[in-house]
Protein backbone atom coordinates (compact mmCIF):
# COMPACT_ATOMS: atom_id res chain seq x y z
CA MET A 1 53.01 -7.76 -28.00
CA ASP A 2 49.67 -8.77 -29.43
CA PHE A 3 49.11 -7.58 -32.99
CA SER A 4 46.36 -10.09 -33.80
CA LYS A 5 43.72 -7.39 -34.40
CA ILE A 6 46.03 -5.44 -36.72
CA ILE A 7 46.97 -8.65 -38.55
CA SER A 8 43.31 -9.60 -39.00
CA PHE A 9 42.49 -6.10 -40.18
CA LEU A 10 45.31 -6.16 -42.72
CA GLU A 11 44.42 -9.64 -43.97
CA ALA A 12 40.81 -8.56 -44.51
CA ASN A 13 41.70 -5.27 -46.18
CA ILE A 14 44.76 -5.84 -48.37
CA PRO A 15 42.86 -5.16 -51.64
CA THR A 16 41.31 -1.98 -50.21
CA LEU A 17 44.65 -0.72 -48.91
CA ALA A 18 46.37 -1.50 -52.22
CA ARG A 19 43.61 0.29 -54.15
CA ALA A 20 43.97 3.37 -51.92
CA TYR A 21 47.72 3.28 -52.54
CA TYR A 22 47.17 3.04 -56.30
CA GLU A 23 44.87 6.07 -56.21
CA GLN A 24 47.49 8.08 -54.28
CA VAL A 25 50.18 7.10 -56.78
CA GLN A 26 48.00 8.29 -59.66
CA LYS A 27 47.52 11.69 -58.01
CA SER A 28 51.16 12.29 -57.10
CA ASP A 29 53.54 14.35 -59.20
CA PHE A 30 56.41 12.54 -57.44
CA MET A 31 55.46 9.10 -58.79
CA LEU A 32 56.03 9.45 -62.52
CA THR A 33 57.91 6.16 -62.94
CA TYR A 34 55.37 4.20 -60.90
CA ARG A 35 52.55 5.71 -62.95
CA LYS A 36 54.08 4.16 -66.08
CA LEU A 37 53.30 0.70 -64.66
CA ASP A 38 49.92 -0.81 -65.36
CA GLU A 39 47.33 -0.80 -62.58
CA PRO A 40 47.44 -4.54 -61.72
CA LYS A 41 51.22 -4.42 -61.34
CA ILE A 42 51.10 -1.44 -58.96
CA ILE A 43 48.37 -3.07 -56.90
CA LEU A 44 50.17 -6.42 -56.79
CA ARG A 45 53.37 -4.76 -55.59
CA GLU A 46 51.51 -2.92 -52.86
CA GLU A 47 49.68 -6.04 -51.75
CA ALA A 48 53.10 -7.68 -51.37
CA VAL A 49 54.17 -4.93 -48.97
CA PHE A 50 51.14 -5.46 -46.74
CA LYS A 51 51.49 -9.25 -46.91
CA ASN A 52 55.09 -8.82 -45.81
CA MET A 53 53.97 -6.56 -42.97
CA ILE A 54 51.60 -9.30 -41.80
CA GLU A 55 54.36 -11.91 -41.94
CA TRP A 56 56.75 -9.50 -40.19
CA LEU A 57 54.27 -8.99 -37.34
CA LYS A 58 53.49 -12.71 -37.06
CA THR A 59 57.19 -13.54 -36.72
CA GLY A 60 57.90 -11.00 -34.00
CA ALA A 61 58.73 -7.89 -36.04
CA SER A 62 62.21 -9.15 -36.84
CA ASN A 63 64.70 -6.84 -38.52
CA ASP A 64 65.88 -9.84 -40.57
CA LYS A 65 62.45 -10.25 -42.22
CA ALA A 66 62.27 -6.56 -43.05
CA GLU A 67 65.84 -6.58 -44.34
CA GLN A 68 65.23 -9.49 -46.72
CA PHE A 69 62.03 -8.05 -48.16
CA PHE A 70 63.04 -4.41 -48.52
CA GLU A 71 66.56 -5.05 -49.75
CA LYS A 72 65.06 -7.13 -52.55
CA ILE A 73 62.79 -4.19 -53.43
CA GLY A 74 65.72 -1.77 -53.45
CA ARG A 75 67.72 -4.02 -55.81
CA GLU A 76 64.75 -4.64 -58.11
CA ARG A 77 63.77 -0.99 -58.36
CA PHE A 78 67.36 0.03 -59.07
CA ASN A 79 67.53 -2.50 -61.90
CA GLU A 80 64.19 -1.20 -63.19
CA ARG A 81 65.76 2.31 -63.17
CA PHE A 82 63.38 3.82 -60.62
CA PRO A 83 64.72 7.02 -59.01
CA LEU A 84 65.60 6.48 -55.35
CA THR A 85 63.52 9.46 -54.27
CA GLU A 86 60.48 7.95 -55.94
CA ILE A 87 60.94 4.58 -54.22
CA ASN A 88 61.22 6.32 -50.89
CA TYR A 89 58.09 8.35 -51.62
CA ALA A 90 56.26 5.14 -52.57
CA LEU A 91 56.93 3.78 -49.09
CA TYR A 92 55.77 7.08 -47.61
CA ILE A 93 52.46 6.66 -49.48
CA THR A 94 52.16 3.09 -48.13
CA LYS A 95 52.68 4.41 -44.61
CA LYS A 96 50.17 7.23 -45.17
CA VAL A 97 47.55 4.78 -46.47
CA PHE A 98 48.15 2.38 -43.58
CA TRP A 99 47.77 5.05 -40.89
CA SER A 100 44.77 6.64 -42.59
CA PHE A 101 42.95 3.30 -42.38
CA VAL A 102 44.09 2.47 -38.84
CA ALA A 103 43.70 5.95 -37.33
CA TRP A 104 39.99 5.81 -36.61
CA LYS A 105 39.74 2.17 -35.56
CA PRO A 106 40.06 2.02 -31.77
CA GLU A 107 38.82 -1.59 -31.94
CA LEU A 108 42.29 -2.50 -33.26
CA PHE A 109 43.71 -1.53 -29.88
CA PRO A 110 41.11 -2.87 -27.42
CA ASN A 111 41.67 -2.40 -23.72
CA THR A 112 45.10 -0.96 -24.41
CA ASP A 113 46.71 1.44 -22.00
CA PHE A 114 48.53 4.46 -23.36
CA GLN A 115 52.03 3.06 -22.92
CA THR A 116 51.19 -0.19 -24.73
CA MET A 117 49.53 1.72 -27.55
CA VAL A 118 52.61 3.89 -27.99
CA GLU A 119 54.80 0.78 -28.01
CA GLN A 120 52.59 -0.87 -30.63
CA MET A 121 52.56 2.26 -32.78
CA THR A 122 56.34 2.44 -32.51
CA VAL A 123 56.71 -1.16 -33.69
CA LEU A 124 54.33 -0.52 -36.60
CA GLY A 125 56.27 2.65 -37.50
CA ASN A 126 59.50 0.66 -37.40
CA PHE A 127 58.27 -1.43 -40.33
CA PHE A 128 58.27 1.64 -42.56
CA ASP A 129 61.48 3.10 -41.13
CA LEU A 130 63.34 -0.17 -41.58
CA GLY A 131 61.87 -0.45 -45.05
CA SER A 132 63.25 2.93 -46.01
CA PHE A 133 66.67 2.13 -44.56
CA TYR A 134 66.99 -1.26 -46.27
CA ILE A 135 65.67 0.01 -49.60
CA VAL A 136 68.19 2.85 -49.65
CA ARG A 137 71.05 0.59 -48.55
CA SER A 138 70.41 -2.09 -51.18
CA TYR A 139 69.72 0.48 -53.90
CA LEU A 140 73.04 2.21 -53.22
CA ASN A 141 74.86 -1.13 -53.08
CA GLU A 142 73.46 -1.95 -56.53
CA LEU A 143 74.52 1.48 -57.76
CA PHE A 144 78.06 1.01 -56.46
CA ASN A 145 78.25 -2.45 -58.03
CA LYS A 146 77.16 -1.02 -61.39
CA ILE A 147 79.73 1.76 -61.12
CA ASP A 148 82.43 -0.83 -60.42
CA GLU A 149 81.25 -3.02 -63.33
CA ALA A 150 80.87 -0.37 -65.99
CA SER A 151 82.32 2.91 -64.79
CA LYS A 152 80.11 4.39 -67.49
CA LEU A 153 77.57 6.16 -65.30
CA THR A 154 77.56 9.83 -66.07
CA LYS A 155 76.77 12.63 -63.68
CA GLU A 156 73.40 12.99 -65.45
CA ASP A 157 72.69 9.25 -64.95
CA MET A 158 73.44 9.64 -61.24
CA LYS A 159 71.14 12.66 -61.01
CA LYS A 160 68.29 10.76 -62.66
CA LEU A 161 68.73 7.85 -60.29
CA LEU A 162 69.24 9.74 -57.05
CA VAL A 163 67.75 13.21 -57.29
CA LYS A 164 64.80 13.02 -59.69
CA GLY A 165 61.75 14.05 -57.75
CA GLU A 166 63.53 16.82 -55.89
CA PHE A 167 61.22 19.71 -55.11
CA ASP A 168 60.70 22.34 -57.74
CA LYS A 169 59.55 25.02 -55.32
CA ASP A 170 57.58 26.83 -58.03
CA ASN A 171 55.66 23.67 -58.94
CA LEU A 172 55.14 22.19 -55.47
CA ASP A 173 51.74 20.78 -54.54
CA LYS A 174 51.67 21.62 -50.84
CA SER A 175 48.62 19.42 -50.27
CA GLU A 176 50.90 16.35 -50.64
CA ILE A 177 53.11 17.35 -47.73
CA VAL A 178 52.33 16.64 -44.10
CA TRP A 179 53.37 19.72 -42.15
CA ARG A 180 54.66 19.14 -38.64
CA ASN A 181 56.73 21.08 -36.18
CA ILE A 182 60.15 19.55 -35.82
């Protein structure tokens, strides 16, 4: 499958995409830990995600490439004490930013029939889905290793790591949620 137009678009727009991501992080009530980082660090981390996406596409959208990159992120964020829900939401924001920039650019899919376009969109979506899977898997592996090492994690520690960010229905900003029929 030819992703050369998408790759060129990403290469030319990494700073713009990362800036849009940063702005979304700053507006989100679900990104409290990320918002504690300084702006250049957030932007640099997001640029790394898009650079990895480019490399992933150039090498044939291999699960191995996604696994290596996203498992490293899961381990690092665990060791930085980021809540799992927040890491997952960060990838959701990345996906949202990506599709918002690609959505109105038919020139990225020139002379593409419907079936090919669906296949390409599926492959692009796989990047984010695999990312979520590998982040969660490596994060939980780190958690289990820490439990084995210390056995000092309390129930409250586990809640902070795994559940922080859960919806408080009385304080829910519905504009941040994409509503779809399931």
